[in-house]
């Protein structure tokens, strides 16, 4: 959660691969989520994964 909050607050979407690693370490094996976070993007505020984790709509 801290990684997702930091990405959102700092608009540091270059950190999405770090979030993917953390989610994978926590047991996430969803290919759509992991490939999106590790993809080239572009990643912007409103990223569905970050928003989902943070409970944003």
N, C-alpha and C. Protein backbone atom coordinates (compact mmCIF):
# COMPACT_ATOMS: atom_id res chain seq x y z
N UNK A 1 0.83 -1.19 0.00
CA UNK A 1 0.00 0.00 0.00
C UNK A 1 0.87 1.25 0.00
N UNK A 2 1.96 1.22 0.75
CA UNK A 2 2.84 2.39 0.83
C UNK A 2 3.43 2.72 -0.53
N UNK A 3 3.76 1.70 -1.30
CA UNK A 3 4.31 1.94 -2.64
C UNK A 3 3.26 2.58 -3.52
N UNK A 4 2.04 2.06 -3.49
CA UNK A 4 0.96 2.62 -4.30
C UNK A 4 0.66 4.06 -3.89
N UNK A 5 0.64 4.32 -2.58
CA UNK A 5 0.41 5.69 -2.11
C UNK A 5 1.52 6.63 -2.59
N UNK A 6 2.75 6.17 -2.52
CA UNK A 6 3.87 7.00 -2.98
C UNK A 6 3.81 7.28 -4.47
N UNK A 7 3.46 6.27 -5.25
CA UNK A 7 3.32 6.45 -6.70
C UNK A 7 2.26 7.50 -6.98
N UNK A 8 1.13 7.38 -6.30
CA UNK A 8 0.02 8.31 -6.52
C UNK A 8 0.38 9.72 -6.07
N UNK A 9 0.89 9.84 -4.87
CA UNK A 9 1.18 11.17 -4.31
C UNK A 9 2.28 11.90 -5.08
N UNK A 10 3.29 11.16 -5.46
CA UNK A 10 4.44 11.79 -6.14
C UNK A 10 4.32 11.76 -7.65
N UNK A 11 3.26 11.12 -8.13
CA UNK A 11 3.09 10.91 -9.57
C UNK A 11 4.34 10.27 -10.16
N UNK A 12 4.86 9.32 -9.41
CA UNK A 12 6.10 8.64 -9.76
C UNK A 12 5.79 7.30 -10.41
N UNK A 13 5.21 7.35 -11.58
CA UNK A 13 4.76 6.14 -12.24
C UNK A 13 5.90 5.32 -12.81
N UNK A 14 7.11 5.82 -12.69
CA UNK A 14 8.27 5.02 -13.04
C UNK A 14 8.50 3.92 -11.99
N UNK A 15 7.80 4.01 -10.87
CA UNK A 15 7.92 3.01 -9.79
C UNK A 15 6.95 1.85 -9.95
N UNK A 16 6.18 1.82 -11.01
CA UNK A 16 5.19 0.74 -11.13
C UNK A 16 5.82 -0.65 -11.18
N UNK A 17 7.02 -0.83 -11.75
CA UNK A 17 7.63 -2.17 -11.67
C UNK A 17 7.94 -2.60 -10.23
N UNK A 18 8.26 -1.65 -9.37
CA UNK A 18 8.50 -1.95 -7.96
C UNK A 18 7.21 -2.43 -7.32
N UNK A 19 6.11 -1.79 -7.67
CA UNK A 19 4.80 -2.21 -7.17
C UNK A 19 4.48 -3.62 -7.67
N UNK A 20 4.80 -3.91 -8.92
CA UNK A 20 4.58 -5.25 -9.46
C UNK A 20 5.36 -6.29 -8.66
N UNK A 21 6.61 -5.99 -8.35
CA UNK A 21 7.43 -6.91 -7.56
C UNK A 21 6.81 -7.14 -6.17
N UNK A 22 6.35 -6.06 -5.54
CA UNK A 22 5.75 -6.17 -4.21
C UNK A 22 4.48 -7.00 -4.26
N UNK A 23 3.66 -6.77 -5.28
CA UNK A 23 2.43 -7.54 -5.40
C UNK A 23 2.73 -9.01 -5.65
N UNK A 24 3.72 -9.27 -6.47
CA UNK A 24 4.11 -10.65 -6.74
C UNK A 24 4.62 -11.32 -5.47
N UNK A 25 5.43 -10.60 -4.70
CA UNK A 25 5.93 -11.14 -3.43
C UNK A 25 4.79 -11.44 -2.46
N UNK A 26 3.70 -10.67 -2.57
CA UNK A 26 2.54 -10.85 -1.70
C UNK A 26 1.59 -11.94 -2.20
N UNK A 27 1.94 -12.55 -3.35
CA UNK A 27 1.14 -13.65 -3.85
C UNK A 27 0.30 -13.36 -5.08
N UNK A 28 0.38 -12.15 -5.60
CA UNK A 28 -0.39 -11.83 -6.81
C UNK A 28 0.22 -12.56 -8.00
N UNK A 29 -0.63 -13.26 -8.75
CA UNK A 29 -0.16 -13.94 -9.95
C UNK A 29 -1.02 -13.58 -11.17
N UNK A 30 -1.70 -12.45 -11.07
CA UNK A 30 -2.57 -11.99 -12.16
C UNK A 30 -1.70 -11.38 -13.26
N UNK A 31 -1.65 -12.06 -14.40
CA UNK A 31 -0.80 -11.61 -15.50
C UNK A 31 -1.18 -10.23 -16.02
N UNK A 32 -2.48 -9.91 -16.04
CA UNK A 32 -2.91 -8.59 -16.52
C UNK A 32 -2.34 -7.48 -15.65
N UNK A 33 -2.41 -7.67 -14.34
CA UNK A 33 -1.92 -6.66 -13.41
C UNK A 33 -0.41 -6.53 -13.50
N UNK A 34 0.28 -7.65 -13.42
CA UNK A 34 1.74 -7.62 -13.41
C UNK A 34 2.31 -7.12 -14.72
N UNK A 35 1.75 -7.54 -15.85
CA UNK A 35 2.28 -7.08 -17.14
C UNK A 35 1.98 -5.61 -17.35
N UNK A 36 0.83 -5.14 -16.87
CA UNK A 36 0.52 -3.72 -16.99
C UNK A 36 1.52 -2.88 -16.20
N UNK A 37 1.78 -3.28 -14.97
CA UNK A 37 2.69 -2.51 -14.13
C UNK A 37 4.13 -2.54 -14.65
N UNK A 38 4.50 -3.62 -15.32
CA UNK A 38 5.86 -3.73 -15.85
C UNK A 38 5.97 -3.22 -17.28
N UNK A 39 4.84 -2.88 -17.88
CA UNK A 39 4.84 -2.41 -19.26
C UNK A 39 5.38 -1.00 -19.38
N UNK A 40 5.56 -0.58 -20.61
CA UNK A 40 6.14 0.73 -20.89
C UNK A 40 5.17 1.88 -20.68
N UNK A 41 3.91 1.56 -20.51
CA UNK A 41 2.94 2.62 -20.22
C UNK A 41 2.38 3.24 -21.48
N UNK A 42 2.05 4.47 -21.42
CA UNK A 42 2.39 5.42 -20.36
C UNK A 42 1.52 5.20 -19.12
N UNK A 43 2.11 5.40 -17.98
CA UNK A 43 1.40 5.30 -16.72
C UNK A 43 1.13 6.72 -16.22
N UNK A 44 -0.11 6.96 -15.85
CA UNK A 44 -0.52 8.30 -15.44
C UNK A 44 -1.43 8.21 -14.22
N UNK A 45 -1.65 9.34 -13.58
CA UNK A 45 -2.60 9.39 -12.47
C UNK A 45 -3.94 8.89 -13.00
N UNK A 46 -4.52 7.98 -12.27
CA UNK A 46 -5.74 7.33 -12.73
C UNK A 46 -5.47 5.91 -13.20
N UNK A 47 -4.24 5.44 -13.03
CA UNK A 47 -3.90 4.05 -13.37
C UNK A 47 -4.86 3.14 -12.60
N UNK A 48 -5.53 2.25 -13.31
CA UNK A 48 -6.58 1.46 -12.69
C UNK A 48 -6.07 0.59 -11.56
N UNK A 49 -4.83 0.15 -11.63
CA UNK A 49 -4.31 -0.71 -10.57
C UNK A 49 -4.02 0.10 -9.31
N UNK A 50 -3.35 1.23 -9.47
CA UNK A 50 -3.06 2.09 -8.32
C UNK A 50 -4.36 2.55 -7.69
N UNK A 51 -5.31 2.97 -8.52
CA UNK A 51 -6.61 3.41 -8.00
C UNK A 51 -7.33 2.28 -7.27
N UNK A 52 -7.26 1.08 -7.82
CA UNK A 52 -7.91 -0.08 -7.18
C UNK A 52 -7.30 -0.33 -5.80
N UNK A 53 -5.99 -0.32 -5.72
CA UNK A 53 -5.32 -0.56 -4.45
C UNK A 53 -5.64 0.52 -3.41
N UNK A 54 -5.79 1.75 -3.88
CA UNK A 54 -6.04 2.86 -2.97
C UNK A 54 -7.52 3.12 -2.72
N UNK A 55 -8.39 2.33 -3.35
CA UNK A 55 -9.82 2.48 -3.14
C UNK A 55 -10.41 3.71 -3.80
N UNK A 56 -9.74 4.19 -4.86
CA UNK A 56 -10.25 5.36 -5.58
C UNK A 56 -11.20 4.88 -6.66
N UNK A 57 -12.07 5.79 -7.10
CA UNK A 57 -13.05 5.41 -8.12
C UNK A 57 -12.78 6.06 -9.42
